[in-house]
Protein backbone atom coordinates (compact mmCIF):
# COMPACT_ATOMS: atom_id res chain seq x y z
CA MET A 1 -22.68 -12.03 1.14
CA SER A 2 -19.57 -10.58 -0.48
CA VAL A 3 -16.09 -9.11 -0.06
CA LEU A 4 -16.14 -5.35 -0.68
CA ILE A 5 -13.07 -3.45 -1.90
CA LEU A 6 -12.78 0.33 -1.60
CA ALA A 7 -11.09 1.53 -4.80
CA GLU A 8 -8.13 3.80 -4.11
CA GLN A 9 -8.25 6.94 -6.21
CA ARG A 10 -5.84 9.80 -6.80
CA ASN A 11 -7.09 12.95 -8.50
CA GLY A 12 -10.15 11.06 -9.71
CA LEU A 13 -8.20 8.18 -11.24
CA VAL A 14 -8.10 4.60 -9.95
CA HIS A 15 -4.72 3.92 -8.35
CA PRO A 16 -2.86 0.62 -9.07
CA THR A 17 -3.15 -0.26 -5.36
CA THR A 18 -6.79 -1.12 -6.13
CA TYR A 19 -5.67 -4.09 -8.24
CA GLU A 20 -3.58 -5.44 -5.34
CA LEU A 21 -6.69 -5.26 -3.13
CA LEU A 22 -8.74 -7.05 -5.78
CA ALA A 23 -6.25 -9.94 -5.80
CA ARG A 24 -6.61 -10.31 -2.04
CA GLY A 25 -10.38 -9.95 -2.26
CA ARG A 26 -10.60 -12.61 -4.96
CA LEU A 27 -8.68 -15.07 -2.78
CA LEU A 28 -10.92 -14.40 0.23
CA ALA A 29 -14.15 -14.50 -1.76
CA ASP A 30 -13.23 -17.82 -3.34
CA ARG A 31 -12.65 -19.27 0.13
CA LEU A 32 -16.02 -17.92 1.28
CA GLY A 33 -17.86 -18.87 -1.91
CA SER A 34 -18.98 -15.26 -2.40
CA GLU A 35 -18.60 -12.33 -4.82
CA VAL A 36 -15.96 -9.63 -4.99
CA CYS A 37 -17.53 -6.17 -5.10
CA CYS A 38 -15.61 -2.95 -5.63
CA VAL A 39 -16.90 0.54 -4.94
CA MET A 40 -15.50 3.53 -6.85
CA ILE A 41 -16.24 6.75 -4.98
CA GLY A 42 -15.53 9.99 -6.78
CA CYS A 43 -13.56 8.36 -9.60
CA ASP A 44 -13.71 9.32 -13.26
CA SER A 45 -15.05 5.99 -14.47
CA GLY A 46 -14.17 5.67 -18.18
CA ASP A 47 -12.73 2.19 -18.76
CA ALA A 48 -11.87 1.75 -15.08
CA PRO A 49 -14.92 -0.38 -14.09
CA GLN A 50 -14.20 -2.89 -16.85
CA GLU A 51 -10.51 -3.01 -15.88
CA ILE A 52 -11.53 -3.68 -12.29
CA ILE A 53 -13.67 -6.59 -13.49
CA PHE A 54 -10.78 -7.90 -15.62
CA HIS A 55 -8.66 -7.91 -12.43
CA GLY A 56 -11.05 -9.94 -10.26
CA ALA A 57 -14.26 -8.06 -9.39
CA ASP A 58 -17.75 -9.45 -10.00
CA VAL A 59 -19.64 -6.22 -9.31
CA VAL A 60 -18.47 -2.59 -9.51
CA TYR A 61 -20.48 0.14 -7.78
CA ILE A 62 -19.96 3.71 -9.02
CA ILE A 63 -20.71 6.77 -6.89
CA HIS A 64 -19.97 10.15 -8.39
CA GLU A 65 -22.30 12.97 -7.47
CA PRO A 66 -21.33 16.35 -9.03
CA GLY A 67 -20.39 19.07 -6.59
CA VAL A 68 -19.17 16.75 -3.82
CA VAL A 69 -15.51 17.02 -2.78
CA TRP A 70 -14.87 13.29 -2.57
CA SER A 71 -11.29 13.69 -1.40
CA LEU A 72 -12.62 14.76 2.01
CA PRO A 73 -13.08 11.93 4.52
CA GLY A 74 -16.61 12.95 5.55
CA PRO A 75 -18.36 12.53 2.18
CA GLN A 76 -16.35 9.46 1.25
CA SER A 77 -16.98 7.70 4.58
CA ARG A 78 -20.73 8.46 4.44
CA ALA A 79 -20.92 7.07 0.90
CA LEU A 80 -19.02 3.91 1.85
CA GLN A 81 -21.29 3.45 4.87
CA ARG A 82 -24.37 3.66 2.61
CA VAL A 83 -22.95 1.02 0.26
CA ILE A 84 -22.15 -1.33 3.15
CA GLU A 85 -25.64 -0.91 4.62
CA ASP A 86 -27.19 -1.66 1.20
CA ILE A 87 -25.17 -4.72 0.12
CA ARG A 88 -24.18 -6.07 3.59
CA PRO A 89 -20.73 -7.54 2.79
CA GLU A 90 -18.98 -9.96 5.14
CA VAL A 91 -15.59 -8.31 4.62
CA VAL A 92 -14.54 -4.76 3.71
CA ILE A 93 -10.96 -4.02 2.64
CA ALA A 94 -9.17 -0.77 1.81
CA ALA A 95 -5.55 0.23 1.32
CA ALA A 96 -3.57 1.43 4.35
CA THR A 97 -3.03 4.80 2.70
CA THR A 98 -4.02 8.26 3.87
CA THR A 99 -7.50 7.60 2.44
CA GLY A 100 -7.96 4.15 3.97
CA ARG A 101 -6.53 5.13 7.33
CA THR A 102 -8.92 8.09 7.51
CA VAL A 103 -12.14 6.77 5.97
CA MET A 104 -12.26 3.21 7.34
CA PRO A 105 -12.11 4.12 11.08
CA LEU A 106 -15.01 6.55 10.62
CA VAL A 107 -17.12 3.87 8.92
CA ALA A 108 -16.20 1.16 11.44
CA ALA A 109 -17.15 3.44 14.35
CA ARG A 110 -20.54 4.27 12.83
CA LEU A 111 -21.27 0.61 12.08
CA ARG A 112 -20.05 -0.44 15.54
CA THR A 113 -17.70 -3.07 14.18
CA GLY A 114 -13.99 -3.80 14.43
CA LEU A 115 -11.15 -2.63 12.19
CA THR A 116 -7.64 -4.03 11.96
CA ALA A 117 -5.25 -1.49 10.46
CA ASP A 118 -2.08 -1.94 8.45
CA CYS A 119 -2.42 -5.69 7.77
CA THR A 120 0.27 -7.56 5.90
CA GLU A 121 -1.69 -10.81 5.47
CA LEU A 122 -5.37 -11.76 5.20
CA ASP A 123 -6.85 -15.25 5.27
CA ILE A 124 -10.08 -17.09 6.11
CA ASP A 125 -10.76 -19.42 9.05
CA ASP A 126 -12.68 -22.11 7.17
CA GLU A 127 -14.49 -23.43 10.25
CA GLU A 128 -15.79 -20.11 11.54
CA ARG A 129 -15.85 -18.23 8.19
CA LEU A 130 -13.96 -15.43 9.90
CA LEU A 131 -11.38 -13.09 8.43
CA LEU A 132 -7.89 -13.68 9.83
CA GLN A 133 -6.18 -10.30 9.94
CA THR A 134 -2.41 -10.42 10.48
CA ARG A 135 -0.39 -7.34 11.32
CA PRO A 136 2.88 -6.48 13.11
CA ALA A 137 2.64 -5.76 16.84
CA ILE A 138 4.95 -4.76 19.71
CA GLY A 139 7.26 -2.76 17.47
CA GLY A 140 7.28 -5.43 14.80
CA ASN A 141 8.71 -8.11 17.07
CA ILE A 142 5.67 -10.36 16.66
CA MET A 143 2.92 -10.86 14.09
CA ALA A 144 -0.57 -10.79 15.62
CA THR A 145 -3.55 -12.50 13.99
CA ILE A 146 -6.87 -10.85 14.83
CA LYS A 147 -10.51 -11.96 14.43
CA THR A 148 -13.74 -10.00 14.61
CA PRO A 149 -16.15 -12.76 15.72
CA LEU A 150 -19.07 -10.75 17.06
CA CYS A 151 -19.57 -7.92 14.56
CA LYS A 152 -19.99 -7.62 10.81
CA PRO A 153 -18.66 -6.54 8.48
CA GLN A 154 -15.08 -7.49 9.28
CA MET A 155 -12.95 -4.53 8.21
CA ALA A 156 -9.24 -4.21 7.49
CA THR A 157 -6.76 -1.90 5.82
CA VAL A 158 -3.87 -3.53 3.97
CA ARG A 159 -0.37 -2.28 3.30
CA PRO A 160 0.15 -1.25 -0.33
CA LYS A 161 2.74 -3.27 -2.27
CA SER A 162 2.33 -6.25 0.06
CA TYR A 163 0.58 -8.38 -2.59
CA ARG A 164 0.75 -8.69 -6.36
CA PRO A 165 -2.25 -8.00 -8.64
CA LEU A 166 -3.83 -10.82 -10.61
CA PRO A 167 -3.05 -10.99 -14.34
CA ARG A 168 -5.53 -9.08 -16.48
CA ASP A 169 -8.22 -11.48 -17.73
CA ALA A 170 -10.22 -9.88 -20.55
CA SER A 171 -12.60 -12.88 -20.64
CA ARG A 172 -14.08 -12.03 -17.23
CA HIS A 173 -17.60 -10.60 -17.05
CA GLY A 174 -19.26 -8.63 -14.30
CA ARG A 175 -21.88 -6.02 -13.47
CA VAL A 176 -21.44 -2.25 -13.24
CA VAL A 177 -23.99 -0.52 -11.00
CA ASP A 178 -24.46 3.25 -10.75
CA MET A 179 -25.52 4.10 -7.21
CA ALA A 180 -27.35 7.37 -6.74
CA ILE A 181 -26.55 8.90 -3.37
CA PRO A 182 -27.91 12.46 -2.91
CA ALA A 183 -25.18 14.99 -2.31
CA CYS A 184 -27.03 16.33 0.73
CA SER A 185 -26.68 12.96 2.50
CA VAL A 186 -22.88 12.80 2.22
CA ASP A 187 -21.68 16.41 2.10
CA LEU A 188 -22.03 17.43 5.76
CA GLY A 189 -20.68 20.93 5.26
CA ASN A 190 -18.30 20.83 8.26
CA GLU A 191 -15.21 20.08 6.20
CA LYS A 192 -13.52 22.27 3.64
CA LEU A 193 -10.73 21.52 1.18
CA ILE A 194 -8.29 24.41 1.28
CA LYS A 195 -5.65 23.06 -1.11
CA LEU A 196 -3.72 19.95 -2.03
CA ILE A 197 0.03 20.04 -1.37
CA GLU A 198 2.05 17.65 -3.50
CA ASP A 199 5.13 15.87 -2.20
CA THR A 200 8.03 17.48 -4.06
CA THR A 201 10.79 15.64 -2.16
CA GLN A 202 10.75 12.68 -4.57
CA GLU A 203 11.45 12.78 -8.28
CA VAL A 204 10.48 9.10 -8.40
CA ASN A 205 7.85 7.98 -5.87
CA VAL A 206 9.47 5.25 -3.80
CA GLN A 207 6.31 3.12 -3.71
CA ASP A 208 5.82 3.21 -7.47
CA ALA A 209 9.47 2.83 -8.52
CA ASP A 210 10.73 -0.22 -10.41
CA ILE A 211 14.15 0.27 -8.79
CA VAL A 212 14.72 1.51 -5.24
CA VAL A 213 18.07 2.50 -3.74
CA ALA A 214 17.81 2.75 0.05
CA GLY A 215 20.32 3.97 2.59
CA GLY A 216 20.76 3.02 6.23
CA LYS A 217 22.70 4.28 9.22
CA GLY A 218 25.86 2.85 7.66
CA VAL A 219 26.08 5.90 5.37
CA LYS A 220 27.20 7.73 8.56
CA ASN A 221 25.85 11.24 7.88
CA ARG A 222 23.88 13.49 5.55
CA ASP A 223 26.81 13.73 3.12
CA GLY A 224 26.96 9.96 3.00
CA PHE A 225 23.25 9.78 2.19
CA ARG A 226 23.84 12.08 -0.78
CA LEU A 227 25.82 9.20 -2.28
CA VAL A 228 22.64 7.09 -2.08
CA GLU A 229 20.68 9.87 -3.81
CA GLU A 230 23.28 10.16 -6.58
CA PHE A 231 23.25 6.38 -7.07
CA ALA A 232 19.44 6.42 -7.32
CA GLN A 233 19.47 9.31 -9.78
CA LEU A 234 21.90 7.44 -12.02
CA LEU A 235 19.53 4.45 -12.08
CA SER A 236 16.34 6.60 -12.37
CA ALA A 237 15.36 4.92 -9.09
CA GLY A 238 13.34 5.86 -6.05
CA VAL A 239 15.24 6.87 -2.90
CA GLY A 240 14.46 4.89 0.25
CA ALA A 241 15.70 5.09 3.82
CA THR A 242 15.53 3.33 7.17
CA ARG A 243 13.81 4.88 10.16
CA ASP A 244 17.17 5.78 11.75
CA VAL A 245 18.11 7.86 8.71
CA VAL A 246 14.82 9.74 8.82
CA ASP A 247 15.01 10.27 12.59
CA LEU A 248 18.51 11.71 12.19
CA GLY A 249 17.20 14.19 9.61
CA TRP A 250 19.27 12.95 6.68
CA THR A 251 16.13 12.66 4.56
CA SER A 252 12.38 13.15 4.95
CA TYR A 253 9.64 10.77 6.09
CA PRO A 254 8.14 10.08 2.61
CA HIS A 255 11.31 8.05 1.91
CA GLN A 256 11.02 5.83 5.00
CA ILE A 257 10.60 2.11 4.32
CA GLY A 258 9.53 -0.40 6.98
CA LEU A 259 6.79 -1.05 9.50
CA SER A 260 6.49 2.61 10.42
CA GLY A 261 6.98 3.78 6.83
CA LYS A 262 6.11 2.55 3.36
CA THR A 263 6.02 -0.95 1.92
CA VAL A 264 7.71 -1.29 -1.47
CA SER A 265 7.87 -4.13 -3.97
CA PRO A 266 10.18 -3.05 -6.80
CA ARG A 267 11.90 -5.22 -9.39
CA ILE A 268 15.27 -4.33 -7.81
CA TYR A 269 15.93 -3.17 -4.25
CA ILE A 270 19.47 -2.00 -3.47
CA ALA A 271 20.20 -1.73 0.26
CA VAL A 272 23.21 0.47 1.02
CA GLY A 273 24.58 0.39 4.55
CA ILE A 274 21.40 -1.21 5.93
CA SER A 275 21.75 -3.81 8.70
CA GLY A 276 18.37 -5.43 8.05
CA SER A 277 16.21 -5.04 11.16
CA VAL A 278 12.90 -6.89 11.28
CA GLN A 279 11.07 -3.57 11.04
CA HIS A 280 12.85 -2.61 7.82
CA LEU A 281 12.64 -6.06 6.21
CA ALA A 282 8.86 -6.03 6.61
CA GLY A 283 8.72 -3.07 4.23
CA MET A 284 10.86 -4.41 1.37
CA GLN A 285 11.19 -8.19 1.46
CA THR A 286 8.64 -8.67 -1.35
CA ALA A 287 11.05 -7.05 -3.84
CA GLU A 288 11.79 -9.32 -6.80
CA THR A 289 15.57 -8.96 -6.46
CA ILE A 290 17.41 -7.66 -3.38
CA VAL A 291 21.01 -6.43 -3.61
CA ALA A 292 22.77 -5.61 -0.34
CA ILE A 293 26.00 -3.65 0.14
CA ASN A 294 27.39 -3.92 3.67
CA LYS A 295 30.84 -4.26 5.23
CA ASP A 296 29.50 -6.55 7.97
CA SER A 297 29.40 -10.10 6.59
CA ASP A 298 27.00 -11.11 9.38
CA ALA A 299 24.44 -8.37 8.64
CA GLN A 300 20.88 -9.66 8.57
CA ILE A 301 20.21 -7.96 5.23
CA LEU A 302 22.72 -10.29 3.55
CA LYS A 303 20.69 -13.32 4.67
CA VAL A 304 17.64 -12.18 2.68
CA ALA A 305 19.53 -10.67 -0.26
CA ASP A 306 19.72 -12.37 -3.66
CA PHE A 307 23.11 -10.71 -4.23
CA GLY A 308 25.39 -9.50 -1.46
CA ILE A 309 28.49 -7.34 -1.70
CA VAL A 310 30.63 -7.35 1.44
CA GLY A 311 32.69 -4.17 1.45
CA ASP A 312 32.86 -0.52 2.40
CA LEU A 313 29.94 1.23 0.71
CA PHE A 314 32.10 4.32 0.17
CA ASP A 315 34.35 2.23 -2.06
CA VAL A 316 31.76 -0.08 -3.61
CA VAL A 317 29.04 2.42 -4.61
CA PRO A 318 31.36 4.93 -6.37
CA ASP A 319 32.97 2.01 -8.24
CA ILE A 320 29.55 0.73 -9.41
CA MET A 321 28.52 4.25 -10.44
CA SER A 322 31.75 4.73 -12.39
CA ARG A 323 31.20 1.45 -14.26
CA LEU A 324 27.61 2.41 -15.07
CA ARG A 325 28.66 5.77 -16.45
CA THR A 326 31.40 4.13 -18.55
CA ARG A 327 28.94 1.64 -20.05
CA ARG A 328 26.54 4.42 -20.93
């Protein structure tokens, strides 16, 4: 028995989200007394398998058949299904990204098992050896913990940036296994990749940024949100936003942070004109340092902030920007 991680890949390269999943998988496997396995589907291997072992895996399975468009959900889901049927893991985890949210439901349906999507926490029930899958429910007002007692494997997708990777341990050893899966068994021919369209709305990807400057409804309008964008540009930061800001059309969805958007975990998170709803806090409260700027001294965001500035953002932010420019 084992815990299986689906490696997240972008353009053939292993994405850092994989190392977050490995940290979770290592914790679960240690509780179960089992191995952590990781499957790389369509990745350019290179040093990646060894790095995956250094970050917590015991076994790395590599699937890379030439001529298969692995970015399509059909081939990738068929390959993952084959791996699960061969090694029979107790738990299967993937990132709650476009890939995970597309591939995992297909596999779960074919295996006739359950899938809990968009989890923020995973744990093990020691008595029943069941995966405890915690995710927001009812608009984020409660946290529901879900079990899959009757079917195996237990499958879950996990929010990126909701857990920190383990430190790299170059003393770890593991196995790398090349799995040969014929292209004809995974490439069904009913899907076609037309083209990939990159997101050009972000100079700095908000999920990967070390610093994030986010704006809320307190910026009042689109012109006010431009102040947030200028502040972020000055700091070489990612631009974030609350759901209200996106719904009002002041910025686009890729910038949305919260339960219905992205989860971020930067070194510094600067909240500008954000009240601090439960839904938004769920997407950014793992930031190392939170700085909040709000004129309402009772705003919820100030209760979770490491540093709070009570004042009008239209006075405070330009003053901070002016001081930064002077120092530079």
